[in-house]
Amino acid sequence: MASFPGSGLAKGLAVTLRTMTRKTVTEQYPDTQPDLPPRTRGVIGLFEENCTVCMLCARECPDWCIYIDSHKETVPAATPGGRERSRNVLDRFAIDFSLCMYCGICIEVCPFDALFWSPEFEYAETDIRDLTHERDKLREWMWTVPAPPALDPGAEEPKELAAAHKTAEKLAAQQEAAEQEAAQREAAQREAAQREAAQQESAQQESAQREAARRDATQQEAAQREAAQQEAAQREAGADRADAAEEGDE
């Protein structure tokens, strides 16, 4: 179809007329906050506990806008005779958002899940030098990070969750084994206490029997002595009577 002169202008005016007849939709910002997509790249939040100061994010950043300072600390040996270890302690973690181009490379390369995208976008400053935010501010943004989307019903369990479940099961098994061992020790202690009590009771009964036997022997010995004394007295009395009878006959 051949175009006639001025057709382009007519089409443009037609688009303008159609737009003019439509109802205008105005976002009432800042009174009404916009409904942002869940993967909005607003700012970067820092989960400080997961950071090991590996420096991967700072080295891979194409704008070199991440500043990290740290120092080493010595960790005592966990077991007697073990070797002391050293670990990195984070002193400073700052991002200059006046240089950041929001590529997300730092978040992708972080091996310990210490950096996350936050949909927060209201962080404008009057001075460009104030766009360098330290770790305290980055940690505050961490709490605005949305929860990750749910997995598909047929998806495999993430390796992190599998490792966490395996560790939890191992700890539970160790705790159960420790409880069983404690119960066995307690049962053994009770049995030992019962045996000791039985031995003490047996020793007391044996001592009481020996004491009763000694009392019986003492009583028998006293009775024998008394019988012997009575017999001697009777013999002496008989002898006296015999002597008296002989004297009477004379």
C-alpha atoms as a PDB file:
ATOM      1  CA  MET A   1       0.000   0.000   0.000  1.00  0.00           C
ATOM      2  CA  ALA A   2       1.478   3.302  -1.102  1.00  0.00           C
ATOM      3  CA  SER A   3       1.833   5.954   1.537  1.00  0.00           C
ATOM      4  CA  PHE A   4       0.578   9.415   0.871  1.00  0.00           C
ATOM      5  CA  PRO A   5       2.375  12.566   1.951  1.00  0.00           C
ATOM      6  CA  GLY A   6       1.821  13.354   5.602  1.00  0.00           C
ATOM      7  CA  SER A   7       0.776   9.794   6.608  1.00  0.00           C
ATOM      8  CA  GLY A   8       3.439   9.614   9.298  1.00  0.00           C
ATOM      9  CA  LEU A   9       2.182  12.825  10.852  1.00  0.00           C
ATOM     10  CA  ALA A  10      -1.367  11.483  10.750  1.00  0.00           C
ATOM     11  CA  LYS A  11      -0.365   8.299  12.522  1.00  0.00           C
ATOM     12  CA  GLY A  12       1.455  10.274  15.188  1.00  0.00           C
ATOM     13  CA  LEU A  13      -1.551  12.506  15.756  1.00  0.00           C
ATOM     14  CA  ALA A  14      -3.773   9.419  15.958  1.00  0.00           C
ATOM     15  CA  VAL A  15      -1.610   7.971  18.741  1.00  0.00           C
ATOM     16  CA  THR A  16      -1.751  11.320  20.531  1.00  0.00           C
ATOM     17  CA  LEU A  17      -5.535  11.454  20.267  1.00  0.00           C
ATOM     18  CA  ARG A  18      -5.938   7.902  21.582  1.00  0.00           C
ATOM     19  CA  THR A  19      -3.691   8.716  24.540  1.00  0.00           C
ATOM     20  CA  MET A  20      -5.551  11.920  25.273  1.00  0.00           C
ATOM     21  CA  THR A  21      -8.849  10.042  25.592  1.00  0.00           C
ATOM     22  CA  ARG A  22      -7.527   7.551  28.153  1.00  0.00           C
ATOM     23  CA  LYS A  23      -7.814   8.104  31.903  1.00  0.00           C
ATOM     24  CA  THR A  24      -4.608   9.295  33.508  1.00  0.00           C
ATOM     25  CA  VAL A  25      -3.164   7.022  36.235  1.00  0.00           C
ATOM     26  CA  THR A  26      -0.911   8.843  38.674  1.00  0.00           C
ATOM     27  CA  GLU A  27       1.107   7.121  41.380  1.00  0.00           C
ATOM     28  CA  GLN A  28       0.430   9.010  44.619  1.00  0.00           C
ATOM     29  CA  TYR A  29       4.031   8.766  45.785  1.00  0.00           C
ATOM     30  CA  PRO A  30       5.199   9.343  48.531  1.00  0.00           C
ATOM     31  CA  ASP A  31       1.764   9.091  50.174  1.00  0.00           C
ATOM     32  CA  THR A  32       1.311   5.675  48.577  1.00  0.00           C
ATOM     33  CA  GLN A  33       4.313   3.400  48.298  1.00  0.00           C
ATOM     34  CA  PRO A  34       4.771   1.695  44.925  1.00  0.00           C
ATOM     35  CA  ASP A  35       4.205  -2.041  44.619  1.00  0.00           C
ATOM     36  CA  LEU A  36       7.682  -3.175  43.594  1.00  0.00           C
ATOM     37  CA  PRO A  37       8.507  -6.552  42.037  1.00  0.00           C
ATOM     38  CA  PRO A  38      10.035  -9.073  44.471  1.00  0.00           C
ATOM     39  CA  ARG A  39      13.421  -9.034  42.671  1.00  0.00           C
ATOM     40  CA  THR A  40      13.775  -5.273  42.637  1.00  0.00           C
ATOM     41  CA  ARG A  41      17.395  -4.130  42.797  1.00  0.00           C
ATOM     42  CA  GLY A  42      17.150  -1.334  45.302  1.00  0.00           C
ATOM     43  CA  VAL A  43      20.132  -1.495  47.659  1.00  0.00           C
ATOM     44  CA  ILE A  44      22.412  -4.208  48.994  1.00  0.00           C
ATOM     45  CA  GLY A  45      21.839  -5.550  52.510  1.00  0.00           C
ATOM     46  CA  LEU A  46      24.623  -7.107  54.579  1.00  0.00           C
ATOM     47  CA  PHE A  47      24.127 -10.142  56.835  1.00  0.00           C
ATOM     48  CA  GLU A  48      27.261  -9.540  58.869  1.00  0.00           C
ATOM     49  CA  GLU A  49      27.265 -12.885  60.709  1.00  0.00           C
ATOM     50  CA  ASN A  50      27.830 -14.768  57.430  1.00  0.00           C
ATOM     51  CA  CYS A  51      30.706 -12.592  56.212  1.00  0.00           C
ATOM     52  CA  THR A  52      34.125 -14.284  56.441  1.00  0.00           C
ATOM     53  CA  VAL A  53      36.078 -11.377  54.880  1.00  0.00           C
ATOM     54  CA  CYS A  54      36.995 -13.515  51.860  1.00  0.00           C
ATOM     55  CA  MET A  55      37.167 -10.287  49.778  1.00  0.00           C
ATOM     56  CA  LEU A  56      35.556 -11.925  46.740  1.00  0.00           C
ATOM     57  CA  CYS A  57      32.880  -9.245  46.454  1.00  0.00           C
ATOM     58  CA  ALA A  58      35.433  -6.425  46.578  1.00  0.00           C
ATOM     59  CA  ARG A  59      37.738  -8.099  44.034  1.00  0.00           C
ATOM     60  CA  GLU A  60      34.947  -8.932  41.571  1.00  0.00           C
ATOM     61  CA  CYS A  61      33.216  -5.527  41.780  1.00  0.00           C
ATOM     62  CA  PRO A  62      33.759  -3.807  38.383  1.00  0.00           C
ATOM     63  CA  ASP A  63      33.382  -0.360  39.962  1.00  0.00           C
ATOM     64  CA  TRP A  64      35.571  -1.018  43.018  1.00  0.00           C
ATOM     65  CA  CYS A  65      32.924   0.550  45.234  1.00  0.00           C
ATOM     66  CA  ILE A  66      33.151  -1.962  48.105  1.00  0.00           C
ATOM     67  CA  TYR A  67      35.530  -1.139  50.971  1.00  0.00           C
ATOM     68  CA  ILE A  68      36.420  -3.851  53.507  1.00  0.00           C
ATOM     69  CA  ASP A  69      38.760  -3.695  56.500  1.00  0.00           C
ATOM     70  CA  SER A  70      39.465  -6.548  58.898  1.00  0.00           C
ATOM     71  CA  HIS A  71      41.953  -7.942  61.377  1.00  0.00           C
ATOM     72  CA  LYS A  72      42.944 -11.425  62.499  1.00  0.00           C
ATOM     73  CA  GLU A  73      42.198 -12.945  65.887  1.00  0.00           C
ATOM     74  CA  THR A  74      43.543 -16.139  67.421  1.00  0.00           C
ATOM     75  CA  VAL A  75      40.945 -18.727  68.374  1.00  0.00           C
ATOM     76  CA  PRO A  76      41.973 -21.064  71.239  1.00  0.00           C
ATOM     77  CA  ALA A  77      42.123 -24.783  70.559  1.00  0.00           C
ATOM     78  CA  ALA A  78      38.764 -26.511  70.882  1.00  0.00           C
ATOM     79  CA  THR A  79      40.295 -29.657  72.387  1.00  0.00           C
ATOM     80  CA  PRO A  80      43.214 -30.155  74.781  1.00  0.00           C
ATOM     81  CA  GLY A  81      46.431 -30.435  72.835  1.00  0.00           C
ATOM     82  CA  GLY A  82      44.828 -28.991  69.709  1.00  0.00           C
ATOM     83  CA  ARG A  83      46.255 -26.258  67.521  1.00  0.00           C
ATOM     84  CA  GLU A  84      45.178 -22.650  67.769  1.00  0.00           C
ATOM     85  CA  ARG A  85      43.466 -21.154  64.732  1.00  0.00           C
ATOM     86  CA  SER A  86      43.185 -17.651  63.342  1.00  0.00           C
ATOM     87  CA  ARG A  87      40.062 -16.070  61.879  1.00  0.00           C
ATOM     88  CA  ASN A  88      39.248 -12.804  60.144  1.00  0.00           C
ATOM     89  CA  VAL A  89      37.149 -10.286  62.060  1.00  0.00           C
ATOM     90  CA  LEU A  90      35.233  -7.696  60.053  1.00  0.00           C
ATOM     91  CA  ASP A  91      36.034  -4.092  60.997  1.00  0.00           C
ATOM     92  CA  ARG A  92      34.453  -2.194  58.102  1.00  0.00           C
ATOM     93  CA  PHE A  93      32.143  -3.033  55.237  1.00  0.00           C
ATOM     94  CA  ALA A  94      31.004  -0.063  53.156  1.00  0.00           C
ATOM     95  CA  ILE A  95      29.468   0.379  49.706  1.00  0.00           C
ATOM     96  CA  ASP A  96      29.660   3.620  47.717  1.00  0.00           C
ATOM     97  CA  PHE A  97      26.291   3.736  45.954  1.00  0.00           C
ATOM     98  CA  SER A  98      27.371   6.774  43.964  1.00  0.00           C
ATOM     99  CA  LEU A  99      29.657   4.378  42.043  1.00  0.00           C
ATOM    100  CA  CYS A 100      27.589   1.192  42.205  1.00  0.00           C
ATOM    101  CA  MET A 101      25.906   0.233  38.935  1.00  0.00           C
ATOM    102  CA  TYR A 102      23.696  -2.440  40.565  1.00  0.00           C
ATOM    103  CA  CYS A 103      25.098  -5.285  38.515  1.00  0.00           C
ATOM    104  CA  GLY A 104      24.693  -7.766  41.382  1.00  0.00           C
ATOM    105  CA  ILE A 105      28.045  -9.472  40.826  1.00  0.00           C
ATOM    106  CA  CYS A 106      29.002  -9.086  44.496  1.00  0.00           C
ATOM    107  CA  ILE A 107      25.811 -10.895  45.550  1.00  0.00           C
ATOM    108  CA  GLU A 108      26.332 -13.657  43.019  1.00  0.00           C
ATOM    109  CA  VAL A 109      29.957 -14.394  43.947  1.00  0.00           C
ATOM    110  CA  CYS A 110      29.460 -14.300  47.740  1.00  0.00           C
ATOM    111  CA  PRO A 111      29.974 -17.964  48.785  1.00  0.00           C
ATOM    112  CA  PHE A 112      28.486 -17.524  52.262  1.00  0.00           C
ATOM    113  CA  ASP A 113      25.190 -15.676  51.540  1.00  0.00           C
ATOM    114  CA  ALA A 114      26.207 -12.453  53.262  1.00  0.00           C
ATOM    115  CA  LEU A 115      24.840 -10.018  50.619  1.00  0.00           C
ATOM    116  CA  PHE A 116      21.227  -9.700  49.469  1.00  0.00           C
ATOM    117  CA  TRP A 117      19.126  -7.422  47.299  1.00  0.00           C
ATOM    118  CA  SER A 118      16.711  -5.183  49.188  1.00  0.00           C
ATOM    119  CA  PRO A 119      13.828  -3.373  47.454  1.00  0.00           C
ATOM    120  CA  GLU A 120      14.552  -0.273  49.558  1.00  0.00           C
ATOM    121  CA  PHE A 121      15.112   2.703  47.264  1.00  0.00           C
ATOM    122  CA  GLU A 122      14.585   5.802  49.413  1.00  0.00           C
ATOM    123  CA  TYR A 123      18.173   6.591  50.295  1.00  0.00           C
ATOM    124  CA  ALA A 124      18.818   9.808  48.380  1.00  0.00           C
ATOM    125  CA  GLU A 125      21.263  12.276  49.931  1.00  0.00           C
ATOM    126  CA  THR A 126      21.964  15.954  49.380  1.00  0.00           C
ATOM    127  CA  ASP A 127      25.716  15.295  49.340  1.00  0.00           C
ATOM    128  CA  ILE A 128      27.200  12.630  47.087  1.00  0.00           C
ATOM    129  CA  ARG A 129      29.772  11.824  49.759  1.00  0.00           C
ATOM    130  CA  ASP A 130      26.964  10.617  52.020  1.00  0.00           C
ATOM    131  CA  LEU A 131      26.097   7.822  49.580  1.00  0.00           C
ATOM    132  CA  THR A 132      28.910   5.689  51.030  1.00  0.00           C
ATOM    133  CA  HIS A 133      26.990   3.601  53.563  1.00  0.00           C
ATOM    134  CA  GLU A 134      28.724   1.658  56.313  1.00  0.00           C
ATOM    135  CA  ARG A 135      27.875  -1.788  57.608  1.00  0.00           C
ATOM    136  CA  ASP A 136      25.396  -0.529  60.218  1.00  0.00           C
ATOM    137  CA  LYS A 137      23.187   0.945  57.506  1.00  0.00           C
ATOM    138  CA  LEU A 138      23.678  -2.094  55.283  1.00  0.00           C
ATOM    139  CA  ARG A 139      22.586  -4.310  58.179  1.00  0.00           C
ATOM    140  CA  GLU A 140      19.436  -2.229  58.660  1.00  0.00           C
ATOM    141  CA  TRP A 141      18.571  -2.800  55.000  1.00  0.00           C
ATOM    142  CA  MET A 142      19.044  -6.519  55.532  1.00  0.00           C
ATOM    143  CA  TRP A 143      15.768  -6.678  57.456  1.00  0.00           C
ATOM    144  CA  THR A 144      13.899  -5.288  54.421  1.00  0.00           C
ATOM    145  CA  VAL A 145      14.995  -8.190  52.210  1.00  0.00           C
ATOM    146  CA  PRO A 146      11.906 -10.194  51.146  1.00  0.00           C
ATOM    147  CA  ALA A 147      11.682 -13.899  51.835  1.00  0.00           C
ATOM    148  CA  PRO A 148      12.874 -16.145  49.001  1.00  0.00           C
ATOM    149  CA  PRO A 149      10.160 -17.563  46.738  1.00  0.00           C
ATOM    150  CA  ALA A 150       8.838 -21.016  47.523  1.00  0.00           C
ATOM    151  CA  LEU A 151      10.344 -23.981  45.718  1.00  0.00           C
ATOM    152  CA  ASP A 152       8.456 -25.914  43.103  1.00  0.00           C
ATOM    153  CA  PRO A 153       6.655 -28.971  44.528  1.00  0.00           C
ATOM    154  CA  GLY A 154       8.904 -31.319  42.555  1.00  0.00           C
ATOM    155  CA  ALA A 155      12.164 -29.477  43.213  1.00  0.00           C
ATOM    156  CA  GLU A 156      15.001 -31.076  45.113  1.00  0.00           C
ATOM    157  CA  GLU A 157      15.815 -29.885  48.587  1.00  0.00           C
ATOM    158  CA  PRO A 158      18.558 -27.232  48.570  1.00  0.00           C
ATOM    159  CA  LYS A 159      22.001 -28.474  49.522  1.00  0.00           C
ATOM    160  CA  GLU A 160      22.156 -25.972  52.374  1.00  0.00           C
ATOM    161  CA  LEU A 161      18.936 -27.327  53.897  1.00  0.00           C
ATOM    162  CA  ALA A 162      20.065 -30.909  53.361  1.00  0.00           C
ATOM    163  CA  ALA A 163      23.364 -30.156  55.102  1.00  0.00           C
ATOM    164  CA  ALA A 164      21.532 -28.359  57.912  1.00  0.00           C
ATOM    165  CA  HIS A 165      19.117 -31.289  58.353  1.00  0.00           C
ATOM    166  CA  LYS A 166      22.023 -33.745  58.339  1.00  0.00           C
ATOM    167  CA  THR A 167      23.839 -31.687  60.965  1.00  0.00           C
ATOM    168  CA  ALA A 168      20.672 -31.414  63.053  1.00  0.00           C
ATOM    169  CA  GLU A 169      20.112 -35.186  62.848  1.00  0.00           C
ATOM    170  CA  LYS A 170      23.745 -35.798  63.817  1.00  0.00           C
ATOM    171  CA  LEU A 171      23.447 -33.455  66.785  1.00  0.00           C
ATOM    172  CA  ALA A 172      20.167 -35.088  67.809  1.00  0.00           C
ATOM    173  CA  ALA A 173      21.788 -38.540  67.589  1.00  0.00           C
ATOM    174  CA  GLN A 174      24.754 -37.343  69.642  1.00  0.00           C
ATOM    175  CA  GLN A 175      22.417 -35.829  72.226  1.00  0.00           C
ATOM    176  CA  GLU A 176      20.364 -39.022  72.380  1.00  0.00           C
ATOM    177  CA  ALA A 177      23.536 -41.096  72.761  1.00  0.00           C
ATOM    178  CA  ALA A 178      24.732 -38.768  75.508  1.00  0.00           C
ATOM    179  CA  GLU A 179      21.377 -39.049  77.284  1.00  0.00           C
ATOM    180  CA  GLN A 180      21.464 -42.838  77.002  1.00  0.00           C
ATOM    181  CA  GLU A 181      25.026 -42.902  78.314  1.00  0.00           C
ATOM    182  CA  ALA A 182      24.024 -40.631  81.209  1.00  0.00           C
ATOM    183  CA  ALA A 183      21.032 -42.892  81.940  1.00  0.00           C
ATOM    184  CA  GLN A 184      23.305 -45.952  81.878  1.00  0.00           C
ATOM    185  CA  ARG A 185      25.783 -44.251  84.215  1.00  0.00           C
ATOM    186  CA  GLU A 186      22.951 -43.265  86.532  1.00  0.00           C
ATOM    187  CA  ALA A 187      21.590 -46.839  86.496  1.00  0.00           C
ATOM    188  CA  ALA A 188      25.087 -48.190  87.187  1.00  0.00           C
ATOM    189  CA  GLN A 189      25.484 -45.739  90.049  1.00  0.00           C
ATOM    190  CA  ARG A 190      22.108 -46.807  91.468  1.00  0.00           C
ATOM    191  CA  GLU A 191      23.075 -50.489  91.198  1.00  0.00           C
ATOM    192  CA  ALA A 192      26.430 -49.775  92.838  1.00  0.00           C
ATOM    193  CA  ALA A 193      24.665 -47.853  95.615  1.00  0.00           C
ATOM    194  CA  GLN A 194      22.197 -50.722  96.084  1.00  0.00           C
ATOM    195  CA  ARG A 195      25.037 -53.267  96.185  1.00  0.00           C
ATOM    196  CA  GLU A 196      26.911 -51.132  98.672  1.00  0.00           C
ATOM    197  CA  ALA A 197      23.785 -50.760 100.817  1.00  0.00           C
ATOM    198  CA  ALA A 198      23.203 -54.541 100.642  1.00  0.00           C
ATOM    199  CA  GLN A 199      26.839 -55.168 101.607  1.00  0.00           C
ATOM    200  CA  GLN A 200      26.564 -52.733 104.495  1.00  0.00           C
ATOM    201  CA  GLU A 201      23.314 -54.378 105.643  1.00  0.00           C
ATOM    202  CA  SER A 202      24.917 -57.833 105.352  1.00  0.00           C
ATOM    203  CA  ALA A 203      27.963 -56.610 107.286  1.00  0.00           C
ATOM    204  CA  GLN A 204      25.686 -55.147 109.966  1.00  0.00           C
ATOM    205  CA  GLN A 205      23.740 -58.399 110.217  1.00  0.00           C
ATOM    206  CA  GLU A 206      26.977 -60.405 110.420  1.00  0.00           C
ATOM    207  CA  SER A 207      28.282 -58.035 113.088  1.00  0.00           C
ATOM    208  CA  ALA A 208      25.028 -58.368 115.022  1.00  0.00           C
ATOM    209  CA  GLN A 209      25.255 -62.173 114.749  1.00  0.00           C
ATOM    210  CA  ARG A 210      28.854 -62.143 115.977  1.00  0.00           C
ATOM    211  CA  GLU A 211      27.893 -59.859 118.870  1.00  0.00           C
ATOM    212  CA  ALA A 212      24.957 -62.132 119.763  1.00  0.00           C
ATOM    213  CA  ALA A 213      27.296 -65.142 119.617  1.00  0.00           C
ATOM    214  CA  ARG A 214      29.756 -63.361 121.887  1.00  0.00           C
ATOM    215  CA  ARG A 215      26.931 -62.549 124.328  1.00  0.00           C
ATOM    216  CA  ASP A 216      25.774 -66.186 124.275  1.00  0.00           C
ATOM    217  CA  ALA A 217      29.329 -67.401 124.865  1.00  0.00           C
ATOM    218  CA  THR A 218      29.765 -64.945 127.720  1.00  0.00           C
ATOM    219  CA  GLN A 219      26.471 -66.033 129.271  1.00  0.00           C
ATOM    220  CA  GLN A 220      27.396 -69.713 128.908  1.00  0.00           C
ATOM    221  CA  GLU A 221      30.812 -69.067 130.410  1.00  0.00           C
ATOM    222  CA  ALA A 222      29.235 -67.168 133.332  1.00  0.00           C
ATOM    223  CA  ALA A 223      26.703 -70.007 133.843  1.00  0.00           C
ATOM    224  CA  GLN A 224      29.515 -72.570 133.795  1.00  0.00           C
ATOM    225  CA  ARG A 225      31.508 -70.548 136.317  1.00  0.00           C
ATOM    226  CA  GLU A 226      28.445 -70.221 138.558  1.00  0.00           C
ATOM    227  CA  ALA A 227      27.745 -73.973 138.276  1.00  0.00           C
ATOM    228  CA  ALA A 228      31.371 -74.732 139.098  1.00  0.00           C
ATOM    229  CA  GLN A 229      31.218 -72.393 142.093  1.00  0.00           C
ATOM    230  CA  GLN A 230      27.997 -74.043 143.291  1.00  0.00           C
ATOM    231  CA  GLU A 231      29.505 -77.496 142.824  1.00  0.00           C
ATOM    232  CA  ALA A 232      32.640 -76.425 144.727  1.00  0.00           C
ATOM    233  CA  ALA A 233      30.495 -74.987 147.483  1.00  0.00           C
ATOM    234  CA  GLN A 234      28.481 -78.204 147.670  1.00  0.00           C
ATOM    235  CA  ARG A 235      31.657 -80.273 147.812  1.00  0.00           C
ATOM    236  CA  GLU A 236      33.029 -78.022 150.557  1.00  0.00           C
ATOM    237  CA  ALA A 237      29.774 -78.265 152.500  1.00  0.00           C
ATOM    238  CA  GLY A 238      29.781 -82.052 152.137  1.00  0.00           C
ATOM    239  CA  ALA A 239      33.357 -82.200 153.332  1.00  0.00           C
ATOM    240  CA  ASP A 240      32.447 -80.055 156.347  1.00  0.00           C
ATOM    241  CA  ARG A 241      29.537 -82.336 157.188  1.00  0.00           C
ATOM    242  CA  ALA A 242      31.781 -85.380 156.868  1.00  0.00           C
ATOM    243  CA  ASP A 243      34.347 -83.852 159.174  1.00  0.00           C
ATOM    244  CA  ALA A 244      31.658 -82.966 161.693  1.00  0.00           C
ATOM    245  CA  ALA A 245      30.298 -86.505 161.586  1.00  0.00           C
ATOM    246  CA  GLU A 246      33.751 -87.988 162.218  1.00  0.00           C
ATOM    247  CA  GLU A 247      34.290 -85.662 165.129  1.00  0.00           C
ATOM    248  CA  GLY A 248      30.882 -86.769 166.603  1.00  0.00           C
ATOM    249  CA  ASP A 249      31.791 -90.430 166.319  1.00  0.00           C
ATOM    250  CA  GLU A 250      34.984 -89.867 168.185  1.00  0.00           C
END
